[in-house]
Amino acid sequence: MDASELIIINSIKNQPIGETKNLIWFICEIGIFAIFKSDINIPEINILNEALSISLDLSKEEKEFYFIKGKKIILFYS
C-alpha cells in the first residue's frame, strides 16, 4: 500500500464534501477523491460533469484510479 492509499483510507472517515449520482466526494491532504457507488464504468466526461454539479472543476487536474477495500476510487490532484 502506498502513501496515497493510506491518505485516502484515513480521509474516508471524514464528512463527504458532496454526493452525485454515481460518486461520493471527499477532500484529502493531496487532493479531491471520489468513491464510485457501483462497479459500473463511467466515462471520464460524466465524472467531470458530476464534479461540476457540486462546483468542482477538475478538468485540469491529474488523476489516478485506485481499488481500496473493494471500492473503486478516483483521485484528482495538481
N, C-alpha and C. Protein backbone atom coordinates (compact mmCIF):
# COMPACT_ATOMS: atom_id res chain seq x y z
N MET A 1 0.85 -1.18 0.00
CA MET A 1 0.00 0.00 0.00
C MET A 1 0.89 1.24 0.00
N ASP A 2 0.61 2.16 -0.92
CA ASP A 2 1.44 3.37 -1.00
C ASP A 2 0.87 4.49 -0.13
N ALA A 3 1.61 5.58 -0.06
CA ALA A 3 1.22 6.71 0.81
C ALA A 3 -0.12 7.31 0.40
N SER A 4 -0.38 7.41 -0.90
CA SER A 4 -1.65 7.97 -1.36
C SER A 4 -2.82 7.13 -0.87
N GLU A 5 -2.68 5.83 -0.93
CA GLU A 5 -3.76 4.95 -0.46
C GLU A 5 -4.02 5.13 1.04
N LEU A 6 -2.97 5.28 1.81
CA LEU A 6 -3.14 5.50 3.26
C LEU A 6 -3.86 6.81 3.53
N ILE A 7 -3.49 7.86 2.79
CA ILE A 7 -4.16 9.15 2.97
C ILE A 7 -5.64 9.04 2.62
N ILE A 8 -5.95 8.35 1.52
CA ILE A 8 -7.35 8.17 1.12
C ILE A 8 -8.12 7.40 2.19
N ILE A 9 -7.56 6.31 2.67
CA ILE A 9 -8.23 5.49 3.70
C ILE A 9 -8.52 6.33 4.94
N ASN A 10 -7.57 7.13 5.37
CA ASN A 10 -7.78 7.97 6.55
C ASN A 10 -8.82 9.06 6.30
N SER A 11 -8.90 9.56 5.08
CA SER A 11 -9.84 10.64 4.75
C SER A 11 -11.27 10.15 4.54
N ILE A 12 -11.45 8.88 4.27
CA ILE A 12 -12.80 8.33 4.08
C ILE A 12 -13.62 8.50 5.36
N LYS A 13 -12.95 8.56 6.49
CA LYS A 13 -13.63 8.72 7.77
C LYS A 13 -14.25 10.11 7.93
N ASN A 14 -13.78 11.07 7.14
CA ASN A 14 -14.28 12.44 7.22
C ASN A 14 -15.62 12.59 6.52
N GLN A 15 -16.27 13.70 6.76
CA GLN A 15 -17.54 14.02 6.12
C GLN A 15 -17.32 14.25 4.63
N PRO A 16 -18.14 13.64 3.76
CA PRO A 16 -18.02 13.93 2.33
C PRO A 16 -18.31 15.41 2.04
N ILE A 17 -17.72 15.93 0.97
CA ILE A 17 -17.99 17.31 0.57
C ILE A 17 -19.16 17.38 -0.40
N GLY A 18 -19.62 16.23 -0.86
CA GLY A 18 -20.75 16.21 -1.77
C GLY A 18 -21.04 14.80 -2.25
N GLU A 19 -22.20 14.67 -2.85
CA GLU A 19 -22.61 13.38 -3.40
C GLU A 19 -23.34 13.65 -4.71
N THR A 20 -23.00 12.86 -5.72
CA THR A 20 -23.65 12.98 -7.01
C THR A 20 -24.25 11.63 -7.38
N LYS A 21 -24.79 11.53 -8.56
CA LYS A 21 -25.49 10.31 -8.98
C LYS A 21 -24.64 9.06 -8.80
N ASN A 22 -23.38 9.13 -9.20
CA ASN A 22 -22.52 7.94 -9.21
C ASN A 22 -21.35 7.97 -8.24
N LEU A 23 -21.13 9.10 -7.56
CA LEU A 23 -19.91 9.26 -6.78
C LEU A 23 -20.18 9.96 -5.45
N ILE A 24 -19.33 9.63 -4.46
CA ILE A 24 -19.31 10.34 -3.18
C ILE A 24 -17.95 11.03 -3.11
N TRP A 25 -17.95 12.34 -2.89
CA TRP A 25 -16.75 13.17 -2.99
C TRP A 25 -16.17 13.52 -1.63
N PHE A 26 -14.83 13.48 -1.55
CA PHE A 26 -14.11 13.78 -0.32
C PHE A 26 -12.91 14.68 -0.63
N ILE A 27 -12.44 15.37 0.40
CA ILE A 27 -11.20 16.15 0.33
C ILE A 27 -10.17 15.39 1.16
N CYS A 28 -8.92 15.43 0.69
CA CYS A 28 -7.83 14.85 1.47
C CYS A 28 -6.60 15.74 1.33
N GLU A 29 -5.53 15.37 1.98
CA GLU A 29 -4.31 16.19 2.02
C GLU A 29 -3.68 16.39 0.65
N ILE A 30 -3.94 15.47 -0.27
CA ILE A 30 -3.27 15.55 -1.58
C ILE A 30 -4.22 15.91 -2.72
N GLY A 31 -5.49 16.11 -2.42
CA GLY A 31 -6.42 16.49 -3.48
C GLY A 31 -7.87 16.17 -3.14
N ILE A 32 -8.61 15.86 -4.17
CA ILE A 32 -10.03 15.51 -4.04
C ILE A 32 -10.20 14.11 -4.62
N PHE A 33 -10.95 13.28 -3.92
CA PHE A 33 -11.19 11.95 -4.45
C PHE A 33 -12.67 11.62 -4.36
N ALA A 34 -13.06 10.66 -5.19
CA ALA A 34 -14.45 10.23 -5.22
C ALA A 34 -14.51 8.72 -5.18
N ILE A 35 -15.46 8.23 -4.42
CA ILE A 35 -15.71 6.79 -4.35
C ILE A 35 -16.88 6.48 -5.27
N PHE A 36 -16.71 5.51 -6.14
CA PHE A 36 -17.78 5.09 -7.03
C PHE A 36 -18.84 4.35 -6.22
N LYS A 37 -20.10 4.65 -6.47
CA LYS A 37 -21.19 4.00 -5.75
C LYS A 37 -21.47 2.59 -6.25
N SER A 38 -21.05 2.29 -7.48
CA SER A 38 -21.25 0.95 -8.04
C SER A 38 -20.02 0.58 -8.87
N ASP A 39 -20.02 -0.64 -9.38
CA ASP A 39 -18.90 -1.12 -10.18
C ASP A 39 -19.00 -0.73 -11.65
N ILE A 40 -20.03 0.01 -12.01
CA ILE A 40 -20.23 0.40 -13.40
C ILE A 40 -19.14 1.38 -13.82
N ASN A 41 -18.57 1.15 -15.01
CA ASN A 41 -17.59 2.10 -15.55
C ASN A 41 -18.31 3.33 -16.06
N ILE A 42 -17.81 4.48 -15.69
CA ILE A 42 -18.41 5.76 -16.05
C ILE A 42 -17.41 6.50 -16.94
N PRO A 43 -17.85 7.01 -18.09
CA PRO A 43 -16.93 7.79 -18.92
C PRO A 43 -16.38 8.99 -18.16
N GLU A 44 -15.13 9.33 -18.45
CA GLU A 44 -14.47 10.43 -17.74
C GLU A 44 -15.27 11.73 -17.84
N ILE A 45 -15.85 12.00 -18.99
CA ILE A 45 -16.63 13.23 -19.15
C ILE A 45 -17.80 13.27 -18.17
N ASN A 46 -18.40 12.12 -17.89
CA ASN A 46 -19.50 12.08 -16.93
C ASN A 46 -19.00 12.34 -15.51
N ILE A 47 -17.82 11.83 -15.20
CA ILE A 47 -17.24 12.08 -13.88
C ILE A 47 -17.00 13.59 -13.70
N LEU A 48 -16.41 14.20 -14.72
CA LEU A 48 -16.14 15.64 -14.65
C LEU A 48 -17.43 16.45 -14.58
N ASN A 49 -18.46 16.03 -15.30
CA ASN A 49 -19.75 16.72 -15.23
C ASN A 49 -20.39 16.59 -13.86
N GLU A 50 -20.26 15.42 -13.24
CA GLU A 50 -20.79 15.25 -11.88
C GLU A 50 -20.03 16.17 -10.92
N ALA A 51 -18.72 16.28 -11.09
CA ALA A 51 -17.93 17.18 -10.24
C ALA A 51 -18.42 18.61 -10.41
N LEU A 52 -18.67 19.02 -11.64
CA LEU A 52 -19.16 20.39 -11.89
C LEU A 52 -20.50 20.63 -11.22
N SER A 53 -21.31 19.59 -11.11
CA SER A 53 -22.64 19.75 -10.50
C SER A 53 -22.56 20.12 -9.02
N ILE A 54 -21.39 19.87 -8.39
CA ILE A 54 -21.19 20.29 -7.00
C ILE A 54 -20.07 21.34 -6.91
N SER A 55 -19.91 22.08 -8.01
CA SER A 55 -18.98 23.22 -8.09
C SER A 55 -17.50 22.84 -7.98
N LEU A 56 -17.14 21.69 -8.52
CA LEU A 56 -15.74 21.28 -8.58
C LEU A 56 -15.31 21.21 -10.04
N ASP A 57 -14.38 22.06 -10.44
CA ASP A 57 -13.84 21.99 -11.79
C ASP A 57 -12.51 21.24 -11.72
N LEU A 58 -12.55 19.98 -12.10
CA LEU A 58 -11.38 19.12 -12.01
C LEU A 58 -10.79 18.80 -13.38
N SER A 59 -11.21 19.53 -14.39
CA SER A 59 -10.83 19.23 -15.77
C SER A 59 -9.32 19.34 -16.03
N LYS A 60 -8.60 20.14 -15.26
CA LYS A 60 -7.16 20.31 -15.49
C LYS A 60 -6.31 19.55 -14.48
N GLU A 61 -6.93 18.79 -13.62
CA GLU A 61 -6.20 18.06 -12.59
C GLU A 61 -5.69 16.71 -13.12
N GLU A 62 -4.61 16.26 -12.54
CA GLU A 62 -4.12 14.90 -12.80
C GLU A 62 -5.07 13.94 -12.10
N LYS A 63 -5.11 12.69 -12.55
CA LYS A 63 -5.99 11.73 -11.89
C LYS A 63 -5.34 10.35 -11.81
N GLU A 64 -5.72 9.64 -10.80
CA GLU A 64 -5.26 8.26 -10.60
C GLU A 64 -6.45 7.45 -10.10
N PHE A 65 -6.50 6.19 -10.52
CA PHE A 65 -7.55 5.29 -10.05
C PHE A 65 -6.97 4.31 -9.05
N TYR A 66 -7.76 3.99 -8.04
CA TYR A 66 -7.37 3.04 -7.01
C TYR A 66 -8.51 2.06 -6.78
N PHE A 67 -8.18 0.91 -6.26
CA PHE A 67 -9.17 -0.05 -5.80
C PHE A 67 -8.78 -0.36 -4.36
N ILE A 68 -9.54 0.20 -3.41
CA ILE A 68 -9.20 0.09 -2.00
C ILE A 68 -10.39 -0.49 -1.25
N LYS A 69 -10.14 -1.57 -0.52
CA LYS A 69 -11.17 -2.21 0.30
C LYS A 69 -12.45 -2.47 -0.49
N GLY A 70 -12.27 -2.94 -1.71
CA GLY A 70 -13.41 -3.31 -2.54
C GLY A 70 -14.12 -2.14 -3.22
N LYS A 71 -13.58 -0.94 -3.09
CA LYS A 71 -14.20 0.25 -3.68
C LYS A 71 -13.30 0.84 -4.76
N LYS A 72 -13.91 1.23 -5.88
CA LYS A 72 -13.18 1.93 -6.93
C LYS A 72 -13.16 3.41 -6.58
N ILE A 73 -11.96 4.01 -6.65
CA ILE A 73 -11.76 5.40 -6.24
C ILE A 73 -10.96 6.13 -7.32
N ILE A 74 -11.35 7.38 -7.55
CA ILE A 74 -10.57 8.25 -8.44
C ILE A 74 -10.07 9.44 -7.63
N LEU A 75 -8.77 9.67 -7.75
CA LEU A 75 -8.11 10.78 -7.03
C LEU A 75 -7.72 11.85 -8.04
N PHE A 76 -8.08 13.09 -7.76
CA PHE A 76 -7.69 14.25 -8.57
C PHE A 76 -6.70 15.07 -7.76
N TYR A 77 -5.60 15.48 -8.39
CA TYR A 77 -4.59 16.26 -7.69
C TYR A 77 -3.84 17.14 -8.70
N SER A 78 -3.14 18.15 -8.19
CA SER A 78 -2.35 19.06 -9.05
C SER A 78 -0.90 18.65 -9.06
